[in-house]
PDB file of N, CA and C in Angstrom:
ATOM      1  N   MET A   1       0.819  -1.190   0.000  1.00  0.00           N
ATOM      2  CA  MET A   1       0.000   0.000   0.000  1.00  0.00           C
ATOM      3  C   MET A   1       0.867   1.261   0.000  1.00  0.00           C
ATOM      4  N   LYS A   2       1.927   1.262   0.799  1.00  0.00           N
ATOM      5  CA  LYS A   2       2.811   2.421   0.861  1.00  0.00           C
ATOM      6  C   LYS A   2       3.494   2.650  -0.478  1.00  0.00           C
ATOM      7  N   LYS A   3       3.850   1.551  -1.157  1.00  0.00           N
ATOM      8  CA  LYS A   3       4.502   1.682  -2.460  1.00  0.00           C
ATOM      9  C   LYS A   3       3.550   2.306  -3.480  1.00  0.00           C
ATOM     10  N   THR A   4       2.282   1.938  -3.412  1.00  0.00           N
ATOM     11  CA  THR A   4       1.295   2.481  -4.345  1.00  0.00           C
ATOM     12  C   THR A   4       1.115   3.984  -4.118  1.00  0.00           C
ATOM     13  N   ILE A   5       1.015   4.384  -2.856  1.00  0.00           N
ATOM     14  CA  ILE A   5       0.863   5.803  -2.543  1.00  0.00           C
ATOM     15  C   ILE A   5       2.099   6.577  -2.966  1.00  0.00           C
ATOM     16  N   LEU A   6       3.273   6.025  -2.690  1.00  0.00           N
ATOM     17  CA  LEU A   6       4.519   6.675  -3.082  1.00  0.00           C
ATOM     18  C   LEU A   6       4.607   6.808  -4.604  1.00  0.00           C
ATOM     19  N   MET A   7       4.209   5.750  -5.313  1.00  0.00           N
ATOM     20  CA  MET A   7       4.258   5.773  -6.775  1.00  0.00           C
ATOM     21  C   MET A   7       3.283   6.826  -7.334  1.00  0.00           C
ATOM     22  N   MET A   8       2.086   6.927  -6.765  1.00  0.00           N
ATOM     23  CA  MET A   8       1.116   7.934  -7.205  1.00  0.00           C
ATOM     24  C   MET A   8       1.648   9.349  -6.944  1.00  0.00           C
ATOM     25  N   PHE A   9       2.298   9.533  -5.811  1.00  0.00           N
ATOM     26  CA  PHE A   9       2.868  10.830  -5.478  1.00  0.00           C
ATOM     27  C   PHE A   9       3.952  11.213  -6.481  1.00  0.00           C
ATOM     28  N   ILE A  10       4.808  10.277  -6.808  1.00  0.00           N
ATOM     29  CA  ILE A  10       5.896  10.533  -7.766  1.00  0.00           C
ATOM     30  C   ILE A  10       5.327  10.846  -9.151  1.00  0.00           C
ATOM     31  N   LEU A  11       4.258  10.164  -9.551  1.00  0.00           N
ATOM     32  CA  LEU A  11       3.651  10.429 -10.857  1.00  0.00           C
ATOM     33  C   LEU A  11       2.993  11.805 -10.917  1.00  0.00           C
ATOM     34  N   CYS A  12       2.509  12.291  -9.793  1.00  0.00           N
ATOM     35  CA  CYS A  12       1.847  13.601  -9.770  1.00  0.00           C
ATOM     36  C   CYS A  12       2.828  14.764  -9.697  1.00  0.00           C
ATOM     37  N   LEU A  13       4.054  14.538  -9.323  1.00  0.00           N
ATOM     38  CA  LEU A  13       5.029  15.625  -9.205  1.00  0.00           C
ATOM     39  C   LEU A  13       5.232  16.400 -10.504  1.00  0.00           C
ATOM     40  N   PRO A  14       5.443  15.732 -11.650  1.00  0.00           N
ATOM     41  CA  PRO A  14       5.646  16.518 -12.876  1.00  0.00           C
ATOM     42  C   PRO A  14       4.447  17.395 -13.234  1.00  0.00           C
ATOM     43  N   LEU A  15       3.246  16.952 -12.919  1.00  0.00           N
ATOM     44  CA  LEU A  15       2.067  17.757 -13.205  1.00  0.00           C
ATOM     45  C   LEU A  15       2.058  19.033 -12.376  1.00  0.00           C
ATOM     46  N   ALA A  16       2.463  18.926 -11.140  1.00  0.00           N
ATOM     47  CA  ALA A  16       2.459  20.091 -10.259  1.00  0.00           C
ATOM     48  C   ALA A  16       3.492  21.122 -10.703  1.00  0.00           C
ATOM     49  N   PHE A  17       4.635  20.683 -11.167  1.00  0.00           N
ATOM     50  CA  PHE A  17       5.679  21.613 -11.578  1.00  0.00           C
ATOM     51  C   PHE A  17       5.473  22.135 -12.998  1.00  0.00           C
ATOM     52  N   ALA A  18       4.625  21.498 -13.779  1.00  0.00           N
ATOM     53  CA  ALA A  18       4.396  21.924 -15.153  1.00  0.00           C
ATOM     54  C   ALA A  18       3.341  23.018 -15.253  1.00  0.00           C
ATOM     55  N   LEU A  19       2.646  23.298 -14.172  1.00  0.00           N
ATOM     56  CA  LEU A  19       1.614  24.326 -14.214  1.00  0.00           C
ATOM     57  C   LEU A  19       2.244  25.708 -14.317  1.00  0.00           C
ATOM     58  N   TYR A  20       1.669  26.536 -15.175  1.00  0.00           N
ATOM     59  CA  TYR A  20       2.155  27.906 -15.335  1.00  0.00           C
ATOM     60  C   TYR A  20       1.052  28.843 -14.883  1.00  0.00           C
ATOM     61  N   GLY A  21       1.356  29.714 -13.962  1.00  0.00           N
ATOM     62  CA  GLY A  21       0.314  30.554 -13.395  1.00  0.00           C
ATOM     63  C   GLY A  21       0.484  32.024 -13.653  1.00  0.00           C
ATOM     64  N   GLY A  22       1.316  32.436 -14.590  1.00  0.00           N
ATOM     65  CA  GLY A  22       1.509  33.861 -14.854  1.00  0.00           C
ATOM     66  C   GLY A  22       0.265  34.488 -15.458  1.00  0.00           C
ATOM     67  N   GLU A  23      -0.008  35.702 -15.084  1.00  0.00           N
ATOM     68  CA  GLU A  23      -1.174  36.416 -15.588  1.00  0.00           C
ATOM     69  C   GLU A  23      -0.789  37.208 -16.830  1.00  0.00           C
ATOM     70  N   THR A  24      -1.665  37.228 -17.815  1.00  0.00           N
ATOM     71  CA  THR A  24      -1.440  37.988 -19.039  1.00  0.00           C
ATOM     72  C   THR A  24      -2.440  39.137 -19.104  1.00  0.00           C
ATOM     73  N   LYS A  25      -1.929  40.333 -19.347  1.00  0.00           N
ATOM     74  CA  LYS A  25      -2.778  41.517 -19.498  1.00  0.00           C
ATOM     75  C   LYS A  25      -2.802  41.929 -20.963  1.00  0.00           C
ATOM     76  N   ASN A  26      -3.957  42.385 -21.411  1.00  0.00           N
ATOM     77  CA  ASN A  26      -4.156  42.787 -22.791  1.00  0.00           C
ATOM     78  C   ASN A  26      -4.642  44.239 -22.798  1.00  0.00           C
ATOM     79  N   PHE A  27      -3.981  45.083 -23.582  1.00  0.00           N
ATOM     80  CA  PHE A  27      -4.382  46.483 -23.748  1.00  0.00           C
ATOM     81  C   PHE A  27      -4.706  46.693 -25.228  1.00  0.00           C
ATOM     82  N   HIS A  28      -5.903  47.176 -25.523  1.00  0.00           N
ATOM     83  CA  HIS A  28      -6.374  47.293 -26.905  1.00  0.00           C
ATOM     84  C   HIS A  28      -6.350  48.757 -27.365  1.00  0.00           C
ATOM     85  N   PHE A  29      -5.927  48.962 -28.616  1.00  0.00           N
ATOM     86  CA  PHE A  29      -5.888  50.285 -29.234  1.00  0.00           C
ATOM     87  C   PHE A  29      -6.643  50.213 -30.557  1.00  0.00           C
ATOM     88  N   ASN A  30      -7.711  50.993 -30.676  1.00  0.00           N
ATOM     89  CA  ASN A  30      -8.503  50.986 -31.911  1.00  0.00           C
ATOM     90  C   ASN A  30      -7.726  51.563 -33.085  1.00  0.00           C
ATOM     91  N   LYS A  31      -7.021  52.655 -32.857  1.00  0.00           N
ATOM     92  CA  LYS A  31      -6.215  53.309 -33.896  1.00  0.00           C
ATOM     93  C   LYS A  31      -4.785  53.399 -33.391  1.00  0.00           C
ATOM     94  N   CYS A  32      -3.827  53.030 -34.235  1.00  0.00           N
ATOM     95  CA  CYS A  32      -2.439  53.067 -33.784  1.00  0.00           C
ATOM     96  C   CYS A  32      -1.490  52.952 -34.973  1.00  0.00           C
ATOM     97  N   ASP A  33      -0.450  53.787 -34.985  1.00  0.00           N
ATOM     98  CA  ASP A  33       0.645  53.686 -35.954  1.00  0.00           C
ATOM     99  C   ASP A  33       1.949  53.333 -35.248  1.00  0.00           C
ATOM    100  N   ILE A  34       2.198  53.981 -34.119  1.00  0.00           N
ATOM    101  CA  ILE A  34       3.383  53.684 -33.310  1.00  0.00           C
ATOM    102  C   ILE A  34       2.991  53.813 -31.838  1.00  0.00           C
ATOM    103  N   LEU A  35       3.486  52.881 -31.036  1.00  0.00           N
ATOM    104  CA  LEU A  35       3.137  52.824 -29.621  1.00  0.00           C
ATOM    105  C   LEU A  35       4.413  52.870 -28.789  1.00  0.00           C
ATOM    106  N   ARG A  36       4.429  53.765 -27.804  1.00  0.00           N
ATOM    107  CA  ARG A  36       5.547  53.854 -26.863  1.00  0.00           C
ATOM    108  C   ARG A  36       5.013  53.488 -25.486  1.00  0.00           C
ATOM    109  N   VAL A  37       5.710  52.564 -24.817  1.00  0.00           N
ATOM    110  CA  VAL A  37       5.244  52.059 -23.527  1.00  0.00           C
ATOM    111  C   VAL A  37       6.346  52.227 -22.495  1.00  0.00           C
ATOM    112  N   ASN A  38       6.018  52.862 -21.379  1.00  0.00           N
ATOM    113  CA  ASN A  38       6.933  52.990 -20.249  1.00  0.00           C
ATOM    114  C   ASN A  38       6.288  52.266 -19.072  1.00  0.00           C
ATOM    115  N   ILE A  39       7.001  51.310 -18.497  1.00  0.00           N
ATOM    116  CA  ILE A  39       6.473  50.501 -17.405  1.00  0.00           C
ATOM    117  C   ILE A  39       7.212  50.869 -16.127  1.00  0.00           C
ATOM    118  N   THR A  40       6.453  51.241 -15.100  1.00  0.00           N
ATOM    119  CA  THR A  40       7.029  51.550 -13.798  1.00  0.00           C
ATOM    120  C   THR A  40       6.373  50.661 -12.753  1.00  0.00           C
ATOM    121  N   GLY A  41       7.019  50.571 -11.597  1.00  0.00           N
ATOM    122  CA  GLY A  41       6.475  49.765 -10.513  1.00  0.00           C
ATOM    123  C   GLY A  41       6.707  50.430  -9.176  1.00  0.00           C
ATOM    124  N   ASN A  42       5.909  50.041  -8.184  1.00  0.00           N
ATOM    125  CA  ASN A  42       6.113  50.562  -6.829  1.00  0.00           C
ATOM    126  C   ASN A  42       7.437  50.079  -6.256  1.00  0.00           C
ATOM    127  N   LEU A  43       7.848  48.873  -6.654  1.00  0.00           N
ATOM    128  CA  LEU A  43       9.128  48.299  -6.238  1.00  0.00           C
ATOM    129  C   LEU A  43      10.057  48.266  -7.445  1.00  0.00           C
ATOM    130  N   THR A  44      11.315  47.980  -7.216  1.00  0.00           N
ATOM    131  CA  THR A  44      12.266  47.827  -8.314  1.00  0.00           C
ATOM    132  C   THR A  44      11.815  46.674  -9.205  1.00  0.00           C
ATOM    133  N   ILE A  45      11.807  46.903 -10.508  1.00  0.00           N
ATOM    134  CA  ILE A  45      11.416  45.862 -11.456  1.00  0.00           C
ATOM    135  C   ILE A  45      12.660  45.067 -11.824  1.00  0.00           C
ATOM    136  N   ASP A  46      12.650  43.781 -11.506  1.00  0.00           N
ATOM    137  CA  ASP A  46      13.774  42.902 -11.813  1.00  0.00           C
ATOM    138  C   ASP A  46      13.694  42.443 -13.266  1.00  0.00           C
ATOM    139  N   GLU A  47      14.845  42.173 -13.849  1.00  0.00           N
ATOM    140  CA  GLU A  47      14.915  41.663 -15.216  1.00  0.00           C
ATOM    141  C   GLU A  47      14.174  40.330 -15.283  1.00  0.00           C
ATOM    142  N   GLY A  48      13.299  40.174 -16.262  1.00  0.00           N
ATOM    143  CA  GLY A  48      12.548  38.937 -16.428  1.00  0.00           C
ATOM    144  C   GLY A  48      11.291  38.850 -15.584  1.00  0.00           C
ATOM    145  N   GLU A  49      10.950  39.911 -14.895  1.00  0.00           N
ATOM    146  CA  GLU A  49       9.754  39.922 -14.044  1.00  0.00           C
ATOM    147  C   GLU A  49       8.482  39.898 -14.892  1.00  0.00           C
ATOM    148  N   TYR A  50       8.574  40.402 -16.104  1.00  0.00           N
ATOM    149  CA  TYR A  50       7.459  40.375 -17.044  1.00  0.00           C
ATOM    150  C   TYR A  50       8.026  40.141 -18.437  1.00  0.00           C
ATOM    151  N   THR A  51       7.149  39.735 -19.362  1.00  0.00           N
ATOM    152  CA  THR A  51       7.543  39.490 -20.743  1.00  0.00           C
ATOM    153  C   THR A  51       6.557  40.189 -21.669  1.00  0.00           C
ATOM    154  N   ILE A  52       7.072  40.996 -22.580  1.00  0.00           N
ATOM    155  CA  ILE A  52       6.244  41.628 -23.604  1.00  0.00           C
ATOM    156  C   ILE A  52       6.054  40.603 -24.713  1.00  0.00           C
ATOM    157  N   LEU A  53       4.808  40.277 -25.038  1.00  0.00           N
ATOM    158  CA  LEU A  53       4.523  39.235 -26.016  1.00  0.00           C
ATOM    159  C   LEU A  53       4.473  39.765 -27.442  1.00  0.00           C
ATOM    160  N   ASN A  54       4.549  41.061 -27.615  1.00  0.00           N
ATOM    161  CA  ASN A  54       4.524  41.667 -28.942  1.00  0.00           C
ATOM    162  C   ASN A  54       5.947  41.816 -29.472  1.00  0.00           C
ATOM    163  N   ASN A  55       6.037  42.105 -30.765  1.00  0.00           N
ATOM    164  CA  ASN A  55       7.331  42.332 -31.386  1.00  0.00           C
ATOM    165  C   ASN A  55       7.688  43.808 -31.212  1.00  0.00           C
ATOM    166  N   CYS A  56       8.177  44.151 -30.026  1.00  0.00           N
ATOM    167  CA  CYS A  56       8.520  45.529 -29.691  1.00  0.00           C
ATOM    168  C   CYS A  56      10.024  45.642 -29.475  1.00  0.00           C
ATOM    169  N   THR A  57      10.540  46.840 -29.627  1.00  0.00           N
ATOM    170  CA  THR A  57      11.958  47.112 -29.420  1.00  0.00           C
ATOM    171  C   THR A  57      12.145  47.732 -28.047  1.00  0.00           C
ATOM    172  N   LYS A  58      13.052  47.161 -27.268  1.00  0.00           N
ATOM    173  CA  LYS A  58      13.357  47.723 -25.954  1.00  0.00           C
ATOM    174  C   LYS A  58      14.315  48.879 -26.171  1.00  0.00           C
ATOM    175  N   ASN A  59      13.856  50.095 -25.882  1.00  0.00           N
ATOM    176  CA  ASN A  59      14.631  51.298 -26.142  1.00  0.00           C
ATOM    177  C   ASN A  59      15.468  51.698 -24.931  1.00  0.00           C
ATOM    178  N   GLN A  60      14.926  51.525 -23.753  1.00  0.00           N
ATOM    179  CA  GLN A  60      15.600  51.803 -22.489  1.00  0.00           C
ATOM    180  C   GLN A  60      15.094  50.776 -21.486  1.00  0.00           C
ATOM    181  N   THR A  61      15.546  50.877 -20.259  1.00  0.00           N
ATOM    182  CA  THR A  61      15.043  49.981 -19.231  1.00  0.00           C
ATOM    183  C   THR A  61      13.552  50.214 -19.043  1.00  0.00           C
ATOM    184  N   ASN A  62      12.767  49.155 -19.231  1.00  0.00           N
ATOM    185  CA  ASN A  62      11.309  49.182 -19.072  1.00  0.00           C
ATOM    186  C   ASN A  62      10.616  50.188 -19.991  1.00  0.00           C
ATOM    187  N   TYR A  63      11.221  50.484 -21.145  1.00  0.00           N
ATOM    188  CA  TYR A  63      10.633  51.387 -22.130  1.00  0.00           C
ATOM    189  C   TYR A  63      10.684  50.705 -23.494  1.00  0.00           C
ATOM    190  N   TYR A  64       9.531  50.600 -24.148  1.00  0.00           N
ATOM    191  CA  TYR A  64       9.427  49.852 -25.396  1.00  0.00           C
ATOM    192  C   TYR A  64       8.781  50.708 -26.478  1.00  0.00           C
ATOM    193  N   ILE A  65       9.172  50.448 -27.731  1.00  0.00           N
ATOM    194  CA  ILE A  65       8.558  51.073 -28.896  1.00  0.00           C
ATOM    195  C   ILE A  65       8.034  49.947 -29.782  1.00  0.00           C
ATOM    196  N   CYS A  66       6.759  50.042 -30.139  1.00  0.00           N
ATOM    197  CA  CYS A  66       6.109  48.987 -30.916  1.00  0.00           C
ATOM    198  C   CYS A  66       5.527  49.574 -32.195  1.00  0.00           C
ATOM    199  N   ASP A  67       5.752  48.893 -33.316  1.00  0.00           N
ATOM    200  CA  ASP A  67       5.040  49.225 -34.544  1.00  0.00           C
ATOM    201  C   ASP A  67       3.656  48.605 -34.413  1.00  0.00           C
ATOM    202  N   CYS A  68       2.645  49.413 -34.561  1.00  0.00           N
ATOM    203  CA  CYS A  68       1.295  48.893 -34.371  1.00  0.00           C
ATOM    204  C   CYS A  68       0.417  49.294 -35.545  1.00  0.00           C
ATOM    205  N   ASN A  69      -0.768  48.758 -35.577  1.00  0.00           N
ATOM    206  CA  ASN A  69      -1.753  49.084 -36.596  1.00  0.00           C
ATOM    207  C   ASN A  69      -3.119  49.157 -35.926  1.00  0.00           C
ATOM    208  N   ASP A  70      -4.144  49.461 -36.694  1.00  0.00           N
ATOM    209  CA  ASP A  70      -5.478  49.576 -36.116  1.00  0.00           C
ATOM    210  C   ASP A  70      -5.908  48.252 -35.485  1.00  0.00           C
ATOM    211  N   ASN A  71      -6.685  48.346 -34.410  1.00  0.00           N
ATOM    212  CA  ASN A  71      -7.134  47.187 -33.627  1.00  0.00           C
ATOM    213  C   ASN A  71      -5.951  46.381 -33.107  1.00  0.00           C
ATOM    214  N   TYR A  72      -4.998  47.069 -32.522  1.00  0.00           N
ATOM    215  CA  TYR A  72      -3.758  46.473 -32.013  1.00  0.00           C
ATOM    216  C   TYR A  72      -3.933  46.074 -30.552  1.00  0.00           C
ATOM    217  N   ASP A  73      -3.435  44.913 -30.206  1.00  0.00           N
ATOM    218  CA  ASP A  73      -3.444  44.436 -28.826  1.00  0.00           C
ATOM    219  C   ASP A  73      -2.016  44.353 -28.307  1.00  0.00           C
ATOM    220  N   PHE A  74      -1.744  45.046 -27.224  1.00  0.00           N
ATOM    221  CA  PHE A  74      -0.455  44.981 -26.534  1.00  0.00           C
ATOM    222  C   PHE A  74      -0.622  43.989 -25.391  1.00  0.00           C
ATOM    223  N   ASN A  75       0.231  42.952 -25.374  1.00  0.00           N
ATOM    224  CA  ASN A  75       0.104  41.881 -24.395  1.00  0.00           C
ATOM    225  C   ASN A  75       1.371  41.758 -23.561  1.00  0.00           C
ATOM    226  N   VAL A  76       1.190  41.597 -22.260  1.00  0.00           N
ATOM    227  CA  VAL A  76       2.312  41.422 -21.340  1.00  0.00           C
ATOM    228  C   VAL A  76       1.955  40.312 -20.355  1.00  0.00           C
ATOM    229  N   THR A  77       2.933  39.440 -20.079  1.00  0.00           N
ATOM    230  CA  THR A  77       2.757  38.350 -19.126  1.00  0.00           C
ATOM    231  C   THR A  77       3.691  38.567 -17.949  1.00  0.00           C
ATOM    232  N   PHE A  78       3.184  38.327 -16.753  1.00  0.00           N
ATOM    233  CA  PHE A  78       3.960  38.499 -15.530  1.00  0.00           C
ATOM    234  C   PHE A  78       4.309  37.141 -14.942  1.00  0.00           C
ATOM    235  N   LYS A  79       5.491  37.052 -14.337  1.00  0.00           N
ATOM    236  CA  LYS A  79       5.875  35.825 -13.647  1.00  0.00           C
ATOM    237  C   LYS A  79       4.954  35.622 -12.453  1.00  0.00           C
ATOM    238  N   ILE A  80       4.732  34.378 -12.115  1.00  0.00           N
ATOM    239  CA  ILE A  80       3.808  34.069 -11.032  1.00  0.00           C
ATOM    240  C   ILE A  80       4.306  34.596  -9.690  1.00  0.00           C
ATOM    241  N   ASN A  81       5.615  34.672  -9.517  1.00  0.00           N
ATOM    242  CA  ASN A  81       6.154  35.108  -8.225  1.00  0.00           C
ATOM    243  C   ASN A  81       6.507  36.595  -8.203  1.00  0.00           C
ATOM    244  N   ALA A  82       6.071  37.345  -9.215  1.00  0.00           N
ATOM    245  CA  ALA A  82       6.347  38.787  -9.252  1.00  0.00           C
ATOM    246  C   ALA A  82       5.445  39.504  -8.248  1.00  0.00           C
ATOM    247  N   ILE A  83       6.065  40.279  -7.377  1.00  0.00           N
ATOM    248  CA  ILE A  83       5.318  41.047  -6.381  1.00  0.00           C
ATOM    249  C   ILE A  83       5.604  42.520  -6.651  1.00  0.00           C
ATOM    250  N   ASN A  84       4.676  43.174  -7.337  1.00  0.00           N
ATOM    251  CA  ASN A  84       4.865  44.573  -7.688  1.00  0.00           C
ATOM    252  C   ASN A  84       3.532  45.151  -8.135  1.00  0.00           C
ATOM    253  N   ASN A  85       3.386  46.430  -8.063  1.00  0.00           N
ATOM    254  CA  ASN A  85       2.241  47.139  -8.634  1.00  0.00           C
ATOM    255  C   ASN A  85       2.764  47.931  -9.817  1.00  0.00           C
ATOM    256  N   TYR A  86       2.310  47.574 -11.020  1.00  0.00           N
ATOM    257  CA  TYR A  86       2.822  48.161 -12.247  1.00  0.00           C
ATOM    258  C   TYR A  86       1.927  49.296 -12.718  1.00  0.00           C
ATOM    259  N   THR A  87       2.551  50.276 -13.331  1.00  0.00           N
ATOM    260  CA  THR A  87       1.842  51.344 -14.020  1.00  0.00           C
ATOM    261  C   THR A  87       2.354  51.373 -15.451  1.00  0.00           C
ATOM    262  N   PHE A  88       1.432  51.347 -16.406  1.00  0.00           N
ATOM    263  CA  PHE A  88       1.773  51.400 -17.821  1.00  0.00           C
ATOM    264  C   PHE A  88       1.426  52.785 -18.348  1.00  0.00           C
ATOM    265  N   HIS A  89       2.419  53.455 -18.903  1.00  0.00           N
ATOM    266  CA  HIS A  89       2.223  54.754 -19.541  1.00  0.00           C
ATOM    267  C   HIS A  89       2.278  54.522 -21.049  1.00  0.00           C
ATOM    268  N   PHE A  90       1.149  54.717 -21.723  1.00  0.00           N
ATOM    269  CA  PHE A  90       1.071  54.514 -23.162  1.00  0.00           C
ATOM    270  C   PHE A  90       1.045  55.867 -23.866  1.00  0.00           C
ATOM    271  N   ASN A  91       1.846  55.984 -24.906  1.00  0.00           N
ATOM    272  CA  ASN A  91       1.836  57.146 -25.784  1.00  0.00           C
ATOM    273  C   ASN A  91       1.774  56.591 -27.197  1.00  0.00           C
ATOM    274  N   TYR A  92       0.685  56.861 -27.897  1.00  0.00           N
ATOM    275  CA  TYR A  92       0.549  56.290 -29.230  1.00  0.00           C
ATOM    276  C   TYR A  92       0.087  57.349 -30.219  1.00  0.00           C
ATOM    277  N   ASP A  93       0.523  57.157 -31.459  1.00  0.00           N
ATOM    278  CA  ASP A  93       0.189  58.064 -32.548  1.00  0.00           C
ATOM    279  C   ASP A  93      -0.619  57.303 -33.588  1.00  0.00           C
ATOM    280  N   TYR A  94      -1.502  58.014 -34.259  1.00  0.00           N
ATOM    281  CA  TYR A  94      -2.190  57.440 -35.403  1.00  0.00           C
ATOM    282  C   TYR A  94      -2.501  58.544 -36.401  1.00  0.00           C
ATOM    283  N   SER A  95      -2.690  58.141 -37.637  1.00  0.00           N
ATOM    284  CA  SER A  95      -2.952  59.088 -38.725  1.00  0.00           C
ATOM    285  C   SER A  95      -4.431  59.083 -39.061  1.00  0.00           C
ATOM    286  N   LYS A  96      -4.916  60.242 -39.431  1.00  0.00           N
ATOM    287  CA  LYS A  96      -6.291  60.363 -39.899  1.00  0.00           C
ATOM    288  C   LYS A  96      -6.250  61.149 -41.197  1.00  0.00           C
ATOM    289  N   HIS A  97      -6.732  60.532 -42.255  1.00  0.00           N
ATOM    290  CA  HIS A  97      -6.711  61.173 -43.568  1.00  0.00           C
ATOM    291  C   HIS A  97      -8.041  61.874 -43.804  1.00  0.00           C
ATOM    292  N   ILE A  98      -7.956  63.156 -44.149  1.00  0.00           N
ATOM    293  CA  ILE A  98      -9.142  63.949 -44.445  1.00  0.00           C
ATOM    294  C   ILE A  98      -9.056  64.367 -45.899  1.00  0.00           C
ATOM    295  N   SER A  99     -10.097  64.048 -46.648  1.00  0.00           N
ATOM    296  CA  SER A  99     -10.068  64.410 -48.068  1.00  0.00           C
ATOM    297  C   SER A  99     -10.735  65.765 -48.266  1.00  0.00           C
ATOM    298  N   ASP A 100     -10.174  66.519 -49.191  1.00  0.00           N
ATOM    299  CA  ASP A 100     -10.707  67.834 -49.535  1.00  0.00           C
ATOM    300  C   ASP A 100     -11.516  67.675 -50.809  1.00  0.00           C
ATOM    301  N   ASN A 101     -12.774  68.027 -50.741  1.00  0.00           N
ATOM    302  CA  ASN A 101     -13.642  67.891 -51.906  1.00  0.00           C
ATOM    303  C   ASN A 101     -13.475  69.028 -52.901  1.00  0.00           C
ATOM    304  N   GLY A 102     -12.629  69.993 -52.612  1.00  0.00           N
ATOM    305  CA  GLY A 102     -12.376  71.093 -53.538  1.00  0.00           C
ATOM    306  C   GLY A 102     -13.593  71.979 -53.746  1.00  0.00           C
ATOM    307  N   GLY A 103     -14.367  72.175 -52.738  1.00  0.00           N
ATOM    308  CA  GLY A 103     -15.627  72.889 -52.870  1.00  0.00           C
ATOM    309  C   GLY A 103     -15.520  74.395 -52.794  1.00  0.00           C
ATOM    310  N   GLY A 104     -14.688  75.041 -53.530  1.00  0.00           N
ATOM    311  CA  GLY A 104     -14.662  76.499 -53.611  1.00  0.00           C
ATOM    312  C   GLY A 104     -14.539  77.146 -52.244  1.00  0.00           C
ATOM    313  N   GLY A 105     -15.349  78.122 -52.007  1.00  0.00           N
ATOM    314  CA  GLY A 105     -15.424  78.753 -50.708  1.00  0.00           C
ATOM    315  C   GLY A 105     -14.181  79.508 -50.302  1.00  0.00           C
ATOM    316  N   GLY A 106     -13.376  79.941 -51.242  1.00  0.00           N
ATOM    317  CA  GLY A 106     -12.171  80.671 -50.889  1.00  0.00           C
ATOM    318  C   GLY A 106     -12.489  82.109 -50.524  1.00  0.00           C
ATOM    319  N   SER A 107     -11.523  82.787 -50.063  1.00  0.00           N
ATOM    320  CA  SER A 107     -11.716  84.203 -49.750  1.00  0.00           C
ATOM    321  C   SER A 107     -10.622  84.998 -50.435  1.00  0.00           C
ATOM    322  N   SER A 108     -10.911  86.220 -50.645  1.00  0.00           N
ATOM    323  CA  SER A 108      -9.897  87.067 -51.267  1.00  0.00           C
ATOM    324  C   SER A 108      -9.579  88.211 -50.333  1.00  0.00           C
ATOM    325  N   GLY A 109      -8.366  88.653 -50.426  1.00  0.00           N
ATOM    326  CA  GLY A 109      -7.970  89.789 -49.598  1.00  0.00           C
ATOM    327  C   GLY A 109      -8.607  91.055 -50.143  1.00  0.00           C
ATOM    328  N   GLY A 110      -9.070  91.845 -49.292  1.00  0.00           N
ATOM    329  CA  GLY A 110      -9.741  93.057 -49.738  1.00  0.00           C
ATOM    330  C   GLY A 110      -8.770  94.213 -49.855  1.00  0.00           C
ATOM    331  N   GLY A 111      -8.998  94.977 -50.802  1.00  0.00           N
ATOM    332  CA  GLY A 111      -8.212  96.190 -50.942  1.00  0.00           C
ATOM    333  C   GLY A 111      -9.101  97.370 -50.581  1.00  0.00           C
ATOM    334  N   GLY A 112      -8.664  98.151 -49.778  1.00  0.00           N
ATOM    335  CA  GLY A 112      -9.462  99.293 -49.365  1.00  0.00           C
ATOM    336  C   GLY A 112      -9.413 100.410 -50.399  1.00  0.00           C
ATOM    337  N   GLY A 113     -10.389 101.152 -50.403  1.00  0.00           N
ATOM    338  CA  GLY A 113     -10.500 102.249 -51.342  1.00  0.00           C
ATOM    339  C   GLY A 113      -9.608 103.420 -50.978  1.00  0.00           C
ATOM    340  N   GLY A 114      -9.949 104.394 -51.461  1.00  0.00           N
ATOM    341  CA  GLY A 114      -9.085 105.494 -51.334  1.00  0.00           C
ATOM    342  C   GLY A 114      -9.623 106.720 -50.909  1.00  0.00           C
TER     343      GLY A 114
END
């Protein structure tokens, strides 16, 4: 009986260590051409404490630049043992094209009389 319990315990060990419990956060942008992200924390942010899941360029410590497009999702995953309160500062640009219908309506400078 003891051997059976021991064997069951040994078989369950890999399952317990294979579980991944990191939380993933998703930030959505309806319009976006370029996204700049600065991540700060209440505590010192250790290297590897979080992972950016997008194809972004790390420009400085905890500062990223991402090429984005409309309906863009910025995703970040945190390690399960990370103890910190994060603040994300997003700065993003997008273009809006306005067409001119050429509808007259101009004005002319007036010349005063004499």
